[in-house]
Amino acid sequence: MARRILNRKEMRADFEEAERRRTDEEHDEVEDEADEDEDDEEEEGDEEEGEGEEDEEEVVAPKKKPAKPKATKSRTRTAKVVRRRVVWGVFNNSHQQVASYEYKRKEDALAHAAKLTADKKSTHFVQPVKEPIDEKKE
């Protein structure tokens, strides 16, 4: 059973038109009330001049919509960037690091892996590893 595909743009246009009509009607109602109040004040002012000053204080303010609470954005902390350095690690067959060498000493790491492979009769290999740098706090 296929459903009819909804056109979101048309639905949005209909909604906005209804909103415009509603706000126009509310605006017209407020103007009509203000006009009626002015007419009443003029009539009462003609009959009783002493009480005309009190009527001026009774101005009907248009009804305001309650303000919506604004959503507060939570601050996200940026992750602390840890500096790292690359070293050569010598690993055994079960991927356990046996030794590590500075990046400049790759030949020494390869030689160590070859020596362990020959002595222990198991596979050893060299792979780059990133280690965090310990910075001194002053």
Protein backbone atom coordinates (compact mmCIF):
# COMPACT_ATOMS: atom_id res chain seq x y z
CA MET A 1 0.00 0.00 0.00
CA ALA A 2 1.81 3.08 -1.25
CA ARG A 3 1.51 6.42 0.47
CA ARG A 4 1.36 9.76 -1.23
CA ILE A 5 4.61 11.68 -1.00
CA LEU A 6 4.21 14.92 0.97
CA ASN A 7 5.49 18.15 -0.50
CA ARG A 8 7.21 19.85 2.42
CA LYS A 9 7.57 23.19 0.63
CA GLU A 10 3.82 23.47 0.08
CA MET A 11 3.12 22.50 3.67
CA ARG A 12 5.59 25.11 4.89
CA ALA A 13 4.02 27.81 2.68
CA ASP A 14 0.54 26.94 4.02
CA PHE A 15 1.75 27.12 7.59
CA GLU A 16 3.44 30.50 7.08
CA GLU A 17 0.30 31.89 5.42
CA ALA A 18 -1.83 30.75 8.36
CA GLU A 19 0.64 32.38 10.78
CA ARG A 20 0.48 35.66 8.83
CA ARG A 21 -3.32 35.61 8.89
CA ARG A 22 -3.40 34.94 12.61
CA THR A 23 -0.95 37.75 13.44
CA ASP A 24 -2.88 40.15 11.17
CA GLU A 25 -6.14 39.27 12.97
CA GLU A 26 -4.55 39.82 16.38
CA HIS A 27 -3.12 43.14 15.21
CA ASP A 28 -6.56 44.22 13.89
CA GLU A 29 -8.23 43.26 17.19
CA VAL A 30 -5.77 45.35 19.17
CA GLU A 31 -6.36 48.35 16.87
CA ASP A 32 -10.16 47.93 17.17
CA GLU A 33 -9.92 47.86 20.97
CA ALA A 34 -7.75 50.97 20.95
CA ASP A 35 -10.22 52.78 18.68
CA GLU A 36 -13.15 51.83 20.94
CA ASP A 37 -11.28 53.07 24.03
CA GLU A 38 -10.56 56.41 22.35
CA ASP A 39 -14.22 56.78 21.36
CA ASP A 40 -15.34 56.03 24.94
CA GLU A 41 -12.89 58.55 26.37
CA GLU A 42 -14.09 61.27 24.00
CA GLU A 43 -17.74 60.68 24.94
CA GLU A 44 -17.00 60.69 28.67
CA GLY A 45 -14.78 63.73 28.30
CA ASP A 46 -17.66 65.73 26.82
CA GLU A 47 -20.02 64.84 29.66
CA GLU A 48 -17.66 65.04 32.62
CA GLU A 49 -14.62 67.24 32.24
CA GLY A 50 -13.23 66.66 35.76
CA GLU A 51 -12.93 62.90 35.41
CA GLY A 52 -11.25 63.03 31.98
CA GLU A 53 -7.78 62.97 33.54
CA GLU A 54 -8.39 59.62 35.21
CA ASP A 55 -9.41 58.05 31.89
CA GLU A 56 -6.08 58.96 30.34
CA GLU A 57 -4.29 56.76 32.87
CA GLU A 58 -6.39 53.74 31.91
CA VAL A 59 -4.65 52.94 28.64
CA VAL A 60 -5.16 49.37 27.57
CA ALA A 61 -1.84 47.80 26.68
CA PRO A 62 -1.83 45.12 23.99
CA LYS A 63 -1.40 41.62 25.34
CA LYS A 64 2.10 40.33 25.00
CA LYS A 65 2.95 36.72 24.43
CA PRO A 66 5.04 35.15 27.19
CA ALA A 67 8.70 35.06 26.30
CA LYS A 68 10.11 31.66 25.54
CA PRO A 69 13.15 30.72 27.59
CA LYS A 70 16.29 30.69 25.51
CA ALA A 71 18.18 27.45 25.32
CA THR A 72 21.60 27.76 26.86
CA LYS A 73 24.44 26.21 24.99
CA SER A 74 26.72 24.10 27.06
CA ARG A 75 30.39 24.64 26.61
CA THR A 76 32.34 21.71 25.39
CA ARG A 77 35.86 21.31 26.52
CA THR A 78 38.48 20.85 23.92
CA ALA A 79 40.58 17.78 24.39
CA LYS A 80 44.08 18.48 25.61
CA VAL A 81 46.52 17.92 22.79
CA VAL A 82 49.28 15.54 23.84
CA ARG A 83 52.50 15.84 21.91
CA ARG A 84 53.85 12.55 20.59
CA ARG A 85 57.06 11.28 19.10
CA VAL A 86 57.70 8.34 16.78
CA VAL A 87 60.01 5.51 17.82
CA TRP A 88 60.78 2.13 16.24
CA GLY A 89 59.35 -0.77 18.21
CA VAL A 90 60.55 -4.37 17.97
CA PHE A 91 57.59 -6.75 18.34
CA ASN A 92 57.27 -10.51 18.70
CA ASN A 93 54.75 -12.74 16.94
CA SER A 94 52.00 -12.09 19.51
CA HIS A 95 52.37 -8.34 18.96
CA GLN A 96 54.08 -7.57 22.27
CA GLN A 97 56.69 -4.84 22.22
CA VAL A 98 60.11 -6.28 23.11
CA ALA A 99 62.29 -3.18 22.60
CA SER A 100 62.12 0.37 21.28
CA TYR A 101 64.67 2.53 19.46
CA GLU A 102 64.78 6.21 18.56
CA TYR A 103 63.56 7.12 15.10
CA LYS A 104 67.10 7.76 13.88
CA ARG A 105 68.24 4.23 14.82
CA LYS A 106 66.07 2.14 12.48
CA GLU A 107 69.03 -0.02 11.39
CA ASP A 108 69.69 -1.02 15.03
CA ALA A 109 66.02 -1.98 15.46
CA LEU A 110 66.08 -4.11 12.30
CA ALA A 111 69.28 -5.81 13.44
CA HIS A 112 67.78 -6.56 16.87
CA ALA A 113 64.65 -8.06 15.24
CA ALA A 114 66.77 -10.24 12.96
CA LYS A 115 68.91 -11.45 15.91
CA LEU A 116 65.80 -12.36 17.98
CA THR A 117 64.25 -14.18 15.01
CA ALA A 118 67.39 -16.27 14.56
CA ASP A 119 67.89 -17.02 18.29
CA LYS A 120 64.31 -17.70 19.40
CA LYS A 121 63.13 -19.24 16.10
CA SER A 122 59.97 -17.06 16.14
CA THR A 123 59.02 -14.09 14.04
CA HIS A 124 60.03 -10.60 15.21
CA PHE A 125 59.33 -7.40 13.28
CA VAL A 126 59.87 -3.64 13.45
CA GLN A 127 57.02 -1.15 13.41
CA PRO A 128 56.76 2.63 14.12
CA VAL A 129 55.10 3.50 17.44
CA LYS A 130 53.84 6.89 18.66
CA GLU A 131 54.66 7.59 22.30
CA PRO A 132 53.54 10.61 24.33
CA ILE A 133 56.28 13.09 25.21
CA ASP A 134 56.61 13.78 28.93
CA GLU A 135 56.77 17.55 29.25
CA LYS A 136 58.34 19.10 32.32
CA LYS A 137 56.03 21.46 34.18
CA GLU A 138 57.78 24.58 35.37
